[in-house]
């Protein structure tokens, strides 16, 4: 999926999950920041150029590693929220969820994500859509906006 699609979808998902724990203005802001930093890092560290093509690597495009990267990248937010006397649990939850939300979208693309099979990394994909498919990207953005709306309207 396109990076902006990941941003919107993840922001909606993270806000939906954490707004129930801490319904404050800072919740969607933290979700948005963790979404941008997490998704950007997962894509920048998890893609390499092979010839004239860009390819995903298992460095970040596996479920367990994406969780680890998300938690690691959310630590500055968790520490900041703690010292500002906000609920720092939202940063931990957002960090835990940003990687799987990225994998959820990527599993529907042509090359999918990596899973461990017989001690080797193999690709796994559910639908094989092109990463830049306008309809699929628009649908994921729409779902992200709906999740954000639902979270903020409760």
N, C-alpha and C. Protein backbone atom coordinates (compact mmCIF):
# COMPACT_ATOMS: atom_id res chain seq x y z
N UNK A 1 0.84 -1.18 0.00
CA UNK A 1 0.00 0.00 0.00
C UNK A 1 0.89 1.25 0.00
N UNK A 2 0.29 2.32 -0.40
CA UNK A 2 1.00 3.59 -0.39
C UNK A 2 1.23 4.03 1.06
N UNK A 3 2.27 4.81 1.27
CA UNK A 3 2.62 5.23 2.63
C UNK A 3 1.52 6.09 3.25
N UNK A 4 0.92 6.97 2.47
CA UNK A 4 -0.16 7.80 3.03
C UNK A 4 -1.36 6.95 3.45
N UNK A 5 -1.58 5.85 2.75
CA UNK A 5 -2.65 4.93 3.14
C UNK A 5 -2.35 4.32 4.50
N UNK A 6 -1.11 3.91 4.70
CA UNK A 6 -0.70 3.37 6.00
C UNK A 6 -0.90 4.42 7.10
N UNK A 7 -0.54 5.67 6.83
CA UNK A 7 -0.68 6.73 7.83
C UNK A 7 -2.13 6.86 8.29
N UNK A 8 -3.04 7.00 7.34
CA UNK A 8 -4.45 7.25 7.68
C UNK A 8 -5.07 6.03 8.33
N UNK A 9 -4.85 4.85 7.76
CA UNK A 9 -5.43 3.63 8.32
C UNK A 9 -4.93 3.40 9.74
N UNK A 10 -3.62 3.50 9.94
CA UNK A 10 -3.05 3.26 11.27
C UNK A 10 -3.50 4.30 12.28
N UNK A 11 -3.57 5.56 11.87
CA UNK A 11 -4.05 6.59 12.80
C UNK A 11 -5.48 6.29 13.25
N UNK A 12 -6.33 5.90 12.32
CA UNK A 12 -7.70 5.55 12.68
C UNK A 12 -7.76 4.35 13.61
N UNK A 13 -6.99 3.32 13.29
CA UNK A 13 -7.00 2.11 14.11
C UNK A 13 -6.44 2.37 15.51
N UNK A 14 -5.31 3.07 15.59
CA UNK A 14 -4.70 3.34 16.89
C UNK A 14 -5.60 4.22 17.74
N UNK A 15 -6.21 5.22 17.13
CA UNK A 15 -7.12 6.10 17.88
C UNK A 15 -8.33 5.32 18.37
N UNK A 16 -8.87 4.46 17.52
CA UNK A 16 -10.03 3.66 17.91
C UNK A 16 -9.73 2.78 19.11
N UNK A 17 -8.56 2.15 19.13
CA UNK A 17 -8.20 1.28 20.24
C UNK A 17 -7.90 2.05 21.52
N UNK A 18 -7.20 3.18 21.42
CA UNK A 18 -6.74 3.85 22.63
C UNK A 18 -7.69 4.93 23.15
N UNK A 19 -8.60 5.38 22.33
CA UNK A 19 -9.51 6.45 22.77
C UNK A 19 -10.44 5.96 23.88
N UNK A 20 -10.71 4.67 23.92
CA UNK A 20 -11.55 4.12 24.98
C UNK A 20 -10.84 4.16 26.33
N UNK A 21 -9.51 4.04 26.33
CA UNK A 21 -8.75 4.09 27.56
C UNK A 21 -8.51 5.52 28.03
N UNK A 22 -8.31 6.41 27.07
CA UNK A 22 -7.95 7.78 27.42
C UNK A 22 -8.59 8.74 26.41
N UNK A 23 -9.88 9.06 26.61
CA UNK A 23 -10.57 9.93 25.65
C UNK A 23 -10.19 11.41 25.84
N UNK A 24 -9.07 11.78 25.27
CA UNK A 24 -8.59 13.16 25.37
C UNK A 24 -8.07 13.59 24.00
N UNK A 25 -7.89 14.89 23.85
CA UNK A 25 -7.41 15.45 22.59
C UNK A 25 -6.04 14.90 22.21
N UNK A 26 -5.24 14.56 23.20
CA UNK A 26 -3.88 14.09 22.92
C UNK A 26 -3.87 12.68 22.31
N UNK A 27 -4.92 11.90 22.50
CA UNK A 27 -4.95 10.52 22.01
C UNK A 27 -4.80 10.42 20.50
N UNK A 28 -5.62 11.13 19.69
CA UNK A 28 -5.43 11.03 18.23
C UNK A 28 -4.12 11.68 17.77
N UNK A 29 -3.62 12.64 18.53
CA UNK A 29 -2.34 13.28 18.17
C UNK A 29 -1.21 12.28 18.34
N UNK A 30 -1.18 11.59 19.48
CA UNK A 30 -0.16 10.57 19.72
C UNK A 30 -0.30 9.45 18.69
N UNK A 31 -1.53 9.02 18.42
CA UNK A 31 -1.76 7.96 17.43
C UNK A 31 -1.24 8.39 16.06
N UNK A 32 -1.50 9.62 15.67
CA UNK A 32 -1.04 10.11 14.37
C UNK A 32 0.47 10.17 14.28
N UNK A 33 1.11 10.66 15.34
CA UNK A 33 2.57 10.76 15.32
C UNK A 33 3.23 9.38 15.31
N UNK A 34 2.73 8.47 16.13
CA UNK A 34 3.29 7.12 16.15
C UNK A 34 3.01 6.41 14.81
N UNK A 35 1.86 6.67 14.23
CA UNK A 35 1.54 6.09 12.93
C UNK A 35 2.52 6.56 11.86
N UNK A 36 2.78 7.84 11.82
CA UNK A 36 3.69 8.38 10.80
C UNK A 36 5.11 7.85 11.01
N UNK A 37 5.62 7.94 12.23
CA UNK A 37 6.99 7.51 12.49
C UNK A 37 7.13 6.00 12.33
N UNK A 38 6.17 5.24 12.84
CA UNK A 38 6.24 3.79 12.74
C UNK A 38 6.16 3.29 11.30
N UNK A 39 5.18 3.77 10.55
CA UNK A 39 5.02 3.32 9.17
C UNK A 39 6.16 3.77 8.28
N UNK A 40 6.64 4.99 8.49
CA UNK A 40 7.76 5.49 7.70
C UNK A 40 9.01 4.66 7.95
N UNK A 41 9.28 4.37 9.21
CA UNK A 41 10.47 3.58 9.56
C UNK A 41 10.36 2.15 9.04
N UNK A 42 9.19 1.54 9.19
CA UNK A 42 9.00 0.18 8.68
C UNK A 42 9.26 0.13 7.18
N UNK A 43 8.80 1.13 6.44
CA UNK A 43 9.04 1.14 5.00
C UNK A 43 10.48 1.50 4.64
N UNK A 44 11.06 2.47 5.31
CA UNK A 44 12.43 2.88 4.98
C UNK A 44 13.45 1.80 5.31
N UNK A 45 13.30 1.16 6.47
CA UNK A 45 14.25 0.11 6.86
C UNK A 45 13.93 -1.24 6.22
N UNK A 46 12.71 -1.41 5.77
CA UNK A 46 12.28 -2.70 5.27
C UNK A 46 12.23 -2.83 3.77
N UNK A 47 12.75 -1.86 3.05
CA UNK A 47 12.80 -1.95 1.59
C UNK A 47 14.24 -1.78 1.14
N UNK A 48 14.60 -2.54 0.12
CA UNK A 48 15.93 -2.39 -0.46
C UNK A 48 15.80 -2.41 -1.98
N UNK A 49 16.76 -1.81 -2.64
CA UNK A 49 16.75 -1.74 -4.10
C UNK A 49 17.48 -2.96 -4.65
N UNK A 50 16.79 -3.70 -5.48
CA UNK A 50 17.36 -4.87 -6.15
C UNK A 50 17.23 -4.63 -7.65
N UNK A 51 18.34 -4.25 -8.26
CA UNK A 51 18.30 -3.88 -9.68
C UNK A 51 17.52 -2.60 -9.85
N UNK A 52 16.46 -2.65 -10.63
CA UNK A 52 15.63 -1.46 -10.80
C UNK A 52 14.32 -1.54 -10.01
N UNK A 53 14.22 -2.53 -9.12
CA UNK A 53 13.01 -2.73 -8.33
C UNK A 53 13.29 -2.50 -6.85
N UNK A 54 12.26 -2.08 -6.16
CA UNK A 54 12.32 -1.96 -4.70
C UNK A 54 11.63 -3.19 -4.13
N UNK A 55 12.28 -3.85 -3.19
CA UNK A 55 11.77 -5.10 -2.64
C UNK A 55 11.67 -5.00 -1.12
N UNK A 56 10.63 -5.64 -0.57
CA UNK A 56 10.50 -5.72 0.89
C UNK A 56 11.48 -6.75 1.43
N UNK A 57 11.86 -6.54 2.68
CA UNK A 57 12.75 -7.49 3.34
C UNK A 57 12.11 -7.95 4.65
N UNK A 58 12.54 -9.09 5.17
CA UNK A 58 12.02 -9.53 6.46
C UNK A 58 12.55 -8.72 7.64
N UNK A 59 13.40 -7.75 7.39
CA UNK A 59 13.92 -6.90 8.46
C UNK A 59 12.78 -6.22 9.23
N UNK A 60 11.75 -5.79 8.52
CA UNK A 60 10.62 -5.13 9.19
C UNK A 60 9.27 -5.69 8.77
N UNK A 61 9.21 -6.46 7.70
CA UNK A 61 7.92 -6.90 7.17
C UNK A 61 7.54 -8.32 7.61
N UNK A 62 7.75 -8.58 8.90
CA UNK A 62 7.23 -9.78 9.55
C UNK A 62 6.40 -9.29 10.74
N UNK A 63 5.44 -10.07 11.16
CA UNK A 63 4.59 -9.63 12.26
C UNK A 63 5.38 -9.41 13.55
N UNK A 64 6.20 -10.35 14.01
CA UNK A 64 6.93 -10.12 15.26
C UNK A 64 7.89 -8.93 15.20
N UNK A 65 8.60 -8.81 14.09
CA UNK A 65 9.56 -7.70 13.98
C UNK A 65 8.86 -6.36 13.86
N UNK A 66 7.70 -6.34 13.21
CA UNK A 66 6.97 -5.08 13.11
C UNK A 66 6.47 -4.62 14.48
N UNK A 67 6.10 -5.56 15.32
CA UNK A 67 5.69 -5.22 16.69
C UNK A 67 6.89 -4.66 17.45
N UNK A 68 8.03 -5.31 17.32
CA UNK A 68 9.24 -4.82 17.99
C UNK A 68 9.62 -3.43 17.54
N UNK A 69 9.61 -3.18 16.24
CA UNK A 69 9.93 -1.84 15.74
C UNK A 69 8.93 -0.81 16.24
N UNK A 70 7.65 -1.16 16.26
CA UNK A 70 6.63 -0.23 16.73
C UNK A 70 6.82 0.15 18.19
N UNK A 71 7.09 -0.84 19.01
CA UNK A 71 7.32 -0.58 20.44
C UNK A 71 8.57 0.27 20.63
N UNK A 72 9.64 -0.08 19.94
CA UNK A 72 10.89 0.67 20.04
C UNK A 72 10.69 2.13 19.63
N UNK A 73 9.98 2.36 18.55
CA UNK A 73 9.78 3.72 18.06
C UNK A 73 8.81 4.53 18.91
N UNK A 74 7.96 3.85 19.69
CA UNK A 74 7.01 4.57 20.54
C UNK A 74 7.60 4.96 21.90
N UNK A 75 8.77 4.43 22.25
CA UNK A 75 9.36 4.71 23.56
C UNK A 75 9.56 6.20 23.85
N UNK A 76 10.03 7.02 22.90
CA UNK A 76 10.13 8.45 23.21
C UNK A 76 8.78 9.08 23.55
N UNK A 77 7.71 8.63 22.91
CA UNK A 77 6.38 9.15 23.21
C UNK A 77 5.92 8.68 24.58
N UNK A 78 6.20 7.43 24.90
CA UNK A 78 5.81 6.88 26.21
C UNK A 78 6.51 7.66 27.32
N UNK A 79 7.79 7.90 27.16
CA UNK A 79 8.55 8.64 28.18
C UNK A 79 8.05 10.07 28.30
N UNK A 80 7.79 10.71 27.16
CA UNK A 80 7.27 12.09 27.17
C UNK A 80 5.91 12.16 27.84
N UNK A 81 5.01 11.23 27.48
CA UNK A 81 3.68 11.22 28.10
C UNK A 81 3.77 10.98 29.60
N UNK A 82 4.69 10.13 30.02
CA UNK A 82 4.86 9.86 31.44
C UNK A 82 5.28 11.13 32.19
N UNK A 83 6.27 11.85 31.66
CA UNK A 83 6.76 13.05 32.33
C UNK A 83 5.78 14.22 32.26
N UNK A 84 4.87 14.19 31.27
CA UNK A 84 3.86 15.25 31.17
C UNK A 84 2.58 14.89 31.92
N UNK A 85 2.63 13.80 32.68
CA UNK A 85 1.51 13.31 33.49
C UNK A 85 0.28 12.95 32.65
N UNK A 86 0.50 12.44 31.45
CA UNK A 86 -0.58 11.89 30.65
C UNK A 86 -0.54 10.38 30.77
N UNK A 87 -1.57 9.74 30.29
CA UNK A 87 -1.64 8.28 30.33
C UNK A 87 -0.66 7.71 29.31
N UNK A 88 0.48 7.22 29.78
CA UNK A 88 1.52 6.73 28.87
C UNK A 88 1.18 5.36 28.28
N UNK A 89 0.16 4.70 28.80
CA UNK A 89 -0.26 3.40 28.27
C UNK A 89 -0.70 3.53 26.82
N UNK A 90 -1.27 4.70 26.45
CA UNK A 90 -1.70 4.86 25.06
C UNK A 90 -0.51 4.79 24.10
N UNK A 91 0.63 5.28 24.53
CA UNK A 91 1.83 5.19 23.69
C UNK A 91 2.31 3.76 23.52
N UNK A 92 2.20 2.97 24.58
CA UNK A 92 2.59 1.56 24.51
C UNK A 92 1.66 0.79 23.59
N UNK A 93 0.35 1.00 23.75
CA UNK A 93 -0.62 0.30 22.90
C UNK A 93 -0.46 0.72 21.44
N UNK A 94 -0.30 2.02 21.20
CA UNK A 94 -0.11 2.49 19.83
C UNK A 94 1.16 1.91 19.22
N UNK A 95 2.22 1.84 19.99
CA UNK A 95 3.47 1.26 19.50
C UNK A 95 3.32 -0.22 19.18
N UNK A 96 2.55 -0.92 20.00
CA UNK A 96 2.32 -2.34 19.77
C UNK A 96 1.49 -2.58 18.52
N UNK A 97 0.55 -1.69 18.22
CA UNK A 97 -0.38 -1.91 17.11
C UNK A 97 0.07 -1.35 15.77
N UNK A 98 1.00 -0.40 15.75
CA UNK A 98 1.36 0.24 14.49
C UNK A 98 1.98 -0.75 13.50
N UNK A 99 2.82 -1.64 13.96
CA UNK A 99 3.43 -2.63 13.07
C UNK A 99 2.42 -3.61 12.48
N UNK A 100 1.58 -4.24 13.34
CA UNK A 100 0.57 -5.14 12.78
C UNK A 100 -0.42 -4.45 11.84
N UNK A 101 -0.71 -3.17 12.08
CA UNK A 101 -1.61 -2.47 11.16
C UNK A 101 -0.94 -2.30 9.79
N UNK A 102 0.37 -2.08 9.80
CA UNK A 102 1.12 -1.98 8.55
C UNK A 102 1.10 -3.34 7.83
N UNK A 103 1.33 -4.42 8.58
CA UNK A 103 1.33 -5.75 7.99
C UNK A 103 -0.06 -6.13 7.47
N UNK A 104 -1.10 -5.69 8.17
CA UNK A 104 -2.47 -5.99 7.74
C UNK A 104 -2.73 -5.44 6.34
N UNK A 105 -2.26 -4.25 6.06
CA UNK A 105 -2.45 -3.69 4.73
C UNK A 105 -1.52 -4.34 3.70
N UNK A 106 -0.29 -4.59 4.08
CA UNK A 106 0.68 -5.15 3.13
C UNK A 106 0.38 -6.60 2.75
N UNK A 107 -0.33 -7.33 3.59
CA UNK A 107 -0.63 -8.73 3.28
C UNK A 107 -1.59 -8.84 2.09
N UNK A 108 -2.26 -7.76 1.75
CA UNK A 108 -3.17 -7.76 0.60
C UNK A 108 -2.49 -7.33 -0.69
N UNK A 109 -1.22 -6.99 -0.65
CA UNK A 109 -0.51 -6.54 -1.85
C UNK A 109 0.16 -7.72 -2.54
N UNK A 110 0.70 -7.46 -3.72
CA UNK A 110 1.29 -8.50 -4.56
C UNK A 110 2.33 -9.34 -3.82
N UNK A 111 3.25 -8.69 -3.17
CA UNK A 111 4.36 -9.40 -2.54
C UNK A 111 4.10 -9.76 -1.09
N UNK A 112 3.06 -9.23 -0.49
CA UNK A 112 2.67 -9.61 0.85
C UNK A 112 3.70 -9.29 1.92
N UNK A 113 3.72 -10.13 2.94
CA UNK A 113 4.64 -9.99 4.07
C UNK A 113 5.42 -11.30 4.19
N UNK A 114 6.35 -11.33 5.12
CA UNK A 114 7.15 -12.54 5.33
C UNK A 114 6.64 -13.31 6.53
N UNK A 115 6.61 -14.62 6.37
CA UNK A 115 6.30 -15.51 7.49
C UNK A 115 7.41 -16.56 7.57
N UNK A 116 7.57 -17.16 8.73
CA UNK A 116 8.60 -18.17 8.93
C UNK A 116 8.01 -19.54 8.56
N UNK A 117 8.67 -20.22 7.63
CA UNK A 117 8.20 -21.53 7.21
C UNK A 117 9.43 -22.41 6.97
N UNK A 118 9.52 -23.51 7.70
CA UNK A 118 10.66 -24.42 7.60
C UNK A 118 11.99 -23.70 7.81
N UNK A 119 12.04 -22.85 8.82
CA UNK A 119 13.25 -22.10 9.20
C UNK A 119 13.73 -21.13 8.11
N UNK A 120 12.84 -20.75 7.21
CA UNK A 120 13.17 -19.77 6.17
C UNK A 120 12.06 -18.75 6.09
N UNK A 121 12.41 -17.55 5.65
CA UNK A 121 11.41 -16.51 5.45
C UNK A 121 10.80 -16.71 4.06
N UNK A 122 9.48 -16.84 4.02
CA UNK A 122 8.76 -16.94 2.75
C UNK A 122 7.68 -15.87 2.71
N UNK A 123 7.34 -15.49 1.51
CA UNK A 123 6.31 -14.46 1.35
C UNK A 123 4.92 -15.06 1.51
N UNK A 124 4.03 -14.24 2.09
CA UNK A 124 2.65 -14.65 2.26
C UNK A 124 1.77 -13.47 1.86
N UNK A 125 0.85 -13.70 0.95
CA UNK A 125 -0.07 -12.65 0.50
C UNK A 125 -1.47 -13.23 0.39
N UNK A 126 -2.46 -12.41 0.67
CA UNK A 126 -3.84 -12.86 0.61
C UNK A 126 -4.53 -12.50 -0.72
N UNK A 127 -4.20 -11.36 -1.29
CA UNK A 127 -4.98 -10.93 -2.45
C UNK A 127 -4.16 -10.54 -3.67
N UNK A 128 -2.91 -10.19 -3.52
CA UNK A 128 -2.02 -9.84 -4.63
C UNK A 128 -2.42 -8.58 -5.40
N UNK A 129 -2.96 -7.60 -4.69
CA UNK A 129 -3.24 -6.30 -5.33
C UNK A 129 -1.92 -5.55 -5.49
N UNK A 130 -1.85 -4.71 -6.52
CA UNK A 130 -0.68 -3.84 -6.67
C UNK A 130 -0.66 -2.86 -5.51
N UNK A 131 0.52 -2.48 -5.07
CA UNK A 131 0.65 -1.57 -3.93
C UNK A 131 0.02 -0.21 -4.22
N UNK A 132 -0.06 0.19 -5.49
CA UNK A 132 -0.60 1.50 -5.84
C UNK A 132 -2.02 1.43 -6.42
N UNK A 133 -2.72 0.34 -6.16
CA UNK A 133 -4.09 0.19 -6.64
C UNK A 133 -4.97 1.28 -6.01
N UNK A 134 -5.53 2.13 -6.85
CA UNK A 134 -6.30 3.29 -6.38
C UNK A 134 -7.52 2.88 -5.56
N UNK A 135 -8.23 1.87 -6.02
CA UNK A 135 -9.45 1.44 -5.31
C UNK A 135 -9.12 0.88 -3.93
N UNK A 136 -8.13 0.02 -3.85
CA UNK A 136 -7.77 -0.60 -2.58
C UNK A 136 -7.19 0.43 -1.61
N UNK A 137 -6.33 1.32 -2.11
CA UNK A 137 -5.78 2.38 -1.25
C UNK A 137 -6.89 3.29 -0.77
N UNK A 138 -7.81 3.64 -1.64
CA UNK A 138 -8.93 4.51 -1.25
C UNK A 138 -9.81 3.84 -0.21
N UNK A 139 -10.05 2.55 -0.37
CA UNK A 139 -10.86 1.80 0.59
C UNK A 139 -10.19 1.78 1.97
N UNK A 140 -8.89 1.53 2.00
CA UNK A 140 -8.16 1.51 3.28
C UNK A 140 -8.16 2.90 3.93
N UNK A 141 -8.01 3.96 3.13
CA UNK A 141 -8.06 5.32 3.67
C UNK A 141 -9.46 5.60 4.22
N UNK A 142 -10.48 5.20 3.50
CA UNK A 142 -11.86 5.40 3.96
C UNK A 142 -12.11 4.68 5.28
N UNK A 143 -11.64 3.43 5.38
CA UNK A 143 -11.80 2.67 6.63
C UNK A 143 -11.07 3.36 7.77
N UNK A 144 -9.88 3.89 7.51
CA UNK A 144 -9.13 4.62 8.53
C UNK A 144 -9.88 5.86 9.01
N UNK A 145 -10.47 6.60 8.07
CA UNK A 145 -11.24 7.80 8.43
C UNK A 145 -12.48 7.42 9.23
N UNK A 146 -13.15 6.33 8.83
CA UNK A 146 -14.33 5.88 9.57
C UNK A 146 -13.94 5.48 11.00
N UNK A 147 -12.82 4.75 11.16
CA UNK A 147 -12.39 4.37 12.52
C UNK A 147 -12.07 5.60 13.36
N UNK A 148 -11.45 6.60 12.76
CA UNK A 148 -11.14 7.85 13.47
C UNK A 148 -12.42 8.56 13.86
N UNK A 149 -13.38 8.62 12.95
CA UNK A 149 -14.66 9.27 13.23
C UNK A 149 -15.41 8.54 14.35
N UNK A 150 -15.45 7.22 14.29
CA UNK A 150 -16.14 6.44 15.32
C UNK A 150 -15.50 6.67 16.67
N UNK A 151 -14.18 6.66 16.73
CA UNK A 151 -13.48 6.86 17.99
C UNK A 151 -13.76 8.24 18.58
N UNK A 152 -13.78 9.26 17.75
CA UNK A 152 -13.95 10.63 18.25
C UNK A 152 -15.41 11.00 18.50
N UNK A 153 -16.34 10.21 17.97
CA UNK A 153 -17.76 10.54 18.16
C UNK A 153 -18.39 9.80 19.32
N UNK A 154 -17.65 8.95 19.98
CA UNK A 154 -18.21 8.18 21.11
C UNK A 154 -18.13 8.99 22.37
